[in-house]
Protein backbone atom coordinates (compact mmCIF):
# COMPACT_ATOMS: atom_id res chain seq x y z
CA MET A 1 -33.77 77.81 -11.56
CA ARG A 2 -33.72 74.36 -13.70
CA LEU A 3 -36.33 72.15 -14.77
CA PHE A 4 -35.71 68.28 -13.92
CA PHE A 5 -37.56 65.21 -15.09
CA LEU A 6 -37.55 61.97 -13.54
CA GLY A 7 -38.76 58.90 -15.28
CA ASN A 8 -37.67 55.94 -17.43
CA ARG A 9 -35.17 55.95 -20.19
CA GLU A 10 -37.92 56.69 -22.74
CA GLU A 11 -39.33 59.43 -21.07
CA CYS A 12 -35.94 61.11 -19.98
CA LEU A 13 -35.01 61.33 -23.83
CA GLY A 14 -38.00 63.18 -24.72
CA PHE A 15 -37.94 65.71 -21.78
CA ALA A 16 -34.21 65.90 -22.63
CA LEU A 17 -34.84 67.13 -25.97
CA ALA A 18 -37.06 69.58 -24.55
CA GLY A 19 -34.36 71.28 -22.54
CA ALA A 20 -35.17 69.41 -19.12
CA ARG A 21 -32.17 67.96 -17.01
CA SER A 22 -33.27 63.99 -17.00
CA LEU A 23 -32.80 61.60 -14.23
CA GLN A 24 -33.44 58.00 -15.41
CA VAL A 25 -35.38 56.43 -12.24
CA GLU A 26 -36.93 52.86 -12.50
CA SER A 27 -37.75 51.97 -8.95
CA ASP A 28 -39.42 53.89 -6.37
CA GLU A 29 -36.37 53.96 -3.73
CA GLU A 30 -34.28 55.63 -6.84
CA PHE A 31 -37.13 58.26 -7.12
CA GLU A 32 -37.04 58.96 -3.48
CA ALA A 33 -33.10 59.19 -3.59
CA ASN A 34 -33.48 61.58 -6.21
CA MET A 35 -36.09 63.74 -4.98
CA GLN A 36 -34.54 64.09 -1.55
CA ARG A 37 -31.47 65.38 -3.64
CA LEU A 38 -33.47 68.00 -5.63
CA PHE A 39 -35.49 69.06 -2.76
CA GLU A 40 -31.69 70.22 -1.56
CA ASP A 41 -30.47 71.63 -4.66
CA GLU A 42 -31.01 75.18 -4.80
CA GLU A 43 -30.93 74.98 -8.56
CA ALA A 44 -34.23 73.16 -8.82
CA GLY A 45 -37.09 75.15 -9.71
CA VAL A 46 -39.31 72.66 -11.21
CA ILE A 47 -39.34 68.92 -10.86
CA ILE A 48 -41.68 67.01 -13.27
CA ALA A 49 -41.88 63.23 -12.87
CA ALA A 50 -44.01 60.27 -14.40
CA ASP A 51 -47.21 59.79 -12.36
CA ARG A 52 -46.25 56.13 -11.66
CA PHE A 53 -44.48 57.67 -8.53
CA PHE A 54 -47.37 60.06 -7.36
CA GLU A 55 -48.24 57.34 -4.63
CA THR A 56 -44.56 57.39 -3.34
CA TYR A 57 -44.22 61.09 -3.51
CA SER A 58 -47.65 61.42 -1.52
CA LYS A 59 -46.48 59.22 1.23
CA ARG A 60 -42.73 60.53 1.55
CA PHE A 61 -42.86 64.00 0.36
CA SER A 62 -46.39 65.47 0.94
CA LYS A 63 -45.45 67.19 4.31
CA ARG A 64 -42.86 69.02 2.55
CA ARG A 65 -45.27 70.85 0.22
CA GLU A 66 -46.72 72.26 2.99
CA LYS A 67 -43.33 74.20 4.00
CA LYS A 68 -41.99 75.20 1.01
CA ALA A 69 -43.40 75.69 -2.37
CA VAL A 70 -40.30 75.81 -4.50
CA PRO A 71 -39.33 73.48 -6.37
CA ALA A 72 -42.67 72.99 -7.68
CA VAL A 73 -43.55 69.33 -8.41
CA VAL A 74 -45.53 68.18 -11.14
CA PHE A 75 -46.74 65.00 -12.63
CA VAL A 76 -47.42 64.12 -16.27
CA PRO A 77 -48.82 60.77 -17.60
CA SER A 78 -46.08 58.05 -18.09
CA ILE A 79 -45.45 57.05 -21.45
CA ASP A 80 -47.11 53.55 -20.59
CA GLY A 81 -50.42 55.06 -20.00
CA SER A 82 -51.72 57.08 -17.04
CA HIS A 83 -51.07 55.25 -13.41
CA ARG A 84 -53.29 57.77 -11.43
CA GLU A 85 -57.15 57.27 -11.53
CA THR A 86 -58.58 60.74 -9.98
CA ASP A 87 -60.96 63.56 -10.89
CA ILE A 88 -59.90 66.82 -12.15
CA LYS A 89 -60.51 68.45 -8.78
CA GLY A 90 -58.24 65.75 -7.26
CA TYR A 91 -55.56 66.27 -10.19
CA ILE A 92 -55.29 70.14 -9.33
CA SER A 93 -55.13 69.56 -5.78
CA GLY A 94 -52.17 67.55 -6.14
CA VAL A 95 -50.55 69.76 -8.66
CA LEU A 96 -51.06 72.90 -6.60
CA GLY A 97 -50.26 70.87 -3.14
CA ILE A 98 -53.51 72.07 -1.48
CA ARG A 99 -57.16 70.81 -0.93
CA LEU A 100 -59.89 72.28 -2.84
């Protein structure tokens, strides 16, 4: 199982140094295409993404989380600051893919 990261150039550099396979994405379309490819990749175990793509993920891939738990998808704050405004309960629900 591999660890993947999706984000901009600077974010990718940091995660690549930590051992993640980094995929540079700058737009929602690139994010969707890469996520689709990673969901089909048997090697993908964990996908980490910058939180600016959370809304796109929620709209496009949230139903998939109900059917399959692997790869796990986790969102981290972007290098330019957090793009999500939610409480801790909402954050945990998003990470786990369930409603609390």
